[in-house]
Amino acid sequence: MGNCLDSSAKVDTAQSSHVTSASAVSKNSSRTSNSSAPSSLTIPSYSDRSGVSSLPTPRTEGEILSSPNLKAFSFNELKNATRNFRPDSLLGEGGFGYVFKGWIDENTFTAAKPGSGMVVAVKRLKPEGFQGHKEWLTEVNYLGQLHHPNLVKLIGYCLEGENRLLVYEFMPKGSLENHLFRRGPQPLSWSVRMKVAIGAARGLSFLHDAKSQVIYRDFKASNILLDAEFNAKLSDFGLAKAGPTGDRTHVSTQVMGTHGYAAPEYVATGRLTAKSDVYSFGVVLLELLSGRRAVDKTKVGAEQNLVDWAKPYLGDKRKLFRIMDTKLEGQYPQKAAYTAASLALQCLSNEAKVRPRMADVLATLEQLESPKSAARVSHSEQQKAHGHLRKSPMRPHRSPLNQIPSASPLPSHRQSPRVY
C-alpha cells in the first residue's frame, strides 16, 4: 500500500519490491500496523444498484466484513485451495507478503483440485509486512461493494488470528506494467494499447461519477490488470478515498501513492481531488504511447522523469514520433496518436482545474475506437485496405527477446519508488 509524503514533498528513491496480484495486490505502507484492528472506519457505504449510496456513511469493521457479496474463507480452506501455499503455486512476492494461485469450486467456493473449478489469486499478508490492517480493510470495503466490468472482482477474504488474506479473480494476462516494460516477443499493438486505456478510463470514470465519489489515488500501470482479451480492470483499492461532499472542493489527507504518478498539487499540499486521478491517468497514457516508465533511473538526466521529458513533444505533430514506443515500429495511425498525445497533455496540466473530467477523457478515447477508426482494424488490414498506418521517421527497432510468463498475473518486481 502507499506510504506518506509530508508537505515538503520528500520522495523516496529506493525501489520497492511490492507486487501486484492477479487481481489486486495492495500497496506497502510504513505507517500502519497489521495487528491494529480499528473498531470502525469512516468509509462510504455503497448500497444501491449503481454501486453507491447518496452520502458516505461510516461503516464498522463488522459491517464491512459481513458483506453479502464476499465469502469469509477459513485459513484451512485457502491452504487447501493453494496446495498448502506450495512454492510452485507462488505467483509473486512483495513487501506485503505473497500471492498464490489457487482453485475453488465455482458454486460452493470450497477448495478444488488443481486444474479444476475456478482459478483465483490468493494474497497472503506477512504478519510483519508493510500493508496494515486498515488498508486491508479499506480494500475489502470498496471491492466488496463496488461492481463494474472494469474493476477487479474480490471474491472473499480470510481474517483469522494474525492471518489476513484476500481472494480475487485470476487475471491471466497480468498487469499492464508487465506488457509495457518487460522485454518480450509480443509488444502490445496500438489497438490493444488503446483498448487498455479505454477500459481503465471507464473504471476511473465510474468511480468519479458515482453518487458518492471515489478517488482511486494510486492509478498506475501495475494496478491495471488484464483478462484473456486484454480488457483492463483496476485493482488495489487500499488507498481509495471518498471524494469531497457538500461545499468541500477537496479532501485533505496524507500524501500516498507512487512517485512519478502523483499529481503535483497533491504532493505539495495533500489536497486530493478527482483531478489527481486524471493526472495519474495522463502519466499512464504517456507510458502507453512511449513504452517508458514514469520514473526510470537507468535513463540519463531529464529522461529519468517521463512527464518532464515527453511534455515538449506532445503538442507537436512533427516531433511526436520522438517519444513514441520504438516497439510499435511505426505501426500506429498518426492522427489517433496525436489525439491521444494531446489528451495526455491536457491530463498532465499543472493546474488541476484545467484537466478534463474522466468522462470527457473516456469520450475522446472512445472516438479513437469507433468503427471508422484505425484502432478497430488490424495493422495488416489498415495497410491493405485503408493505408492509415505510416512509418514514423524513427528507425524501427526490436527489443531483445525475453519470454514473459504466459500465465503469471504479476508485474516485474521492479516497481516505481513509493512516495512518502
Foldseek 3Di string as FASTA:
>chain_A
DWEFADLVLDFDQDWFLQKAAQAFGADFYQPAAAVDADQWDQAAAADDPLQRDQEGDIDGLVRLQVQPQADADEPVQVCLFQVNVDPVQWQGAGLQGTKGKGAAAQPPRGGDDPPDHAIKIKGKGDNGGRDYNQLLSQQSRRLSGGDDPQAWHWHYWYDDPSITMTITHGAFQAWQQAQLAPAADDHDAPLLLLQLLLLVLVQLLSQCPDSFHKAQQADDRNQWFQHPVSRTHGHYRSPIDTADDDPDPFDADGRIYFPLQFQPVCSNGSTHHNLRVLLSSLLRLLCSFQSDHCADPVDDDQVRHVCSVQLVQLQPLLRNVVRGHLQNQQQDQSVLSSLSSVLSNQSNDNDSVSRDRSVVVSVSSVVCCPPVHCSVPDSVCCVPPPNRTDGRPDGRDHDDHDHDPRGRNMHDSGDGGHTD
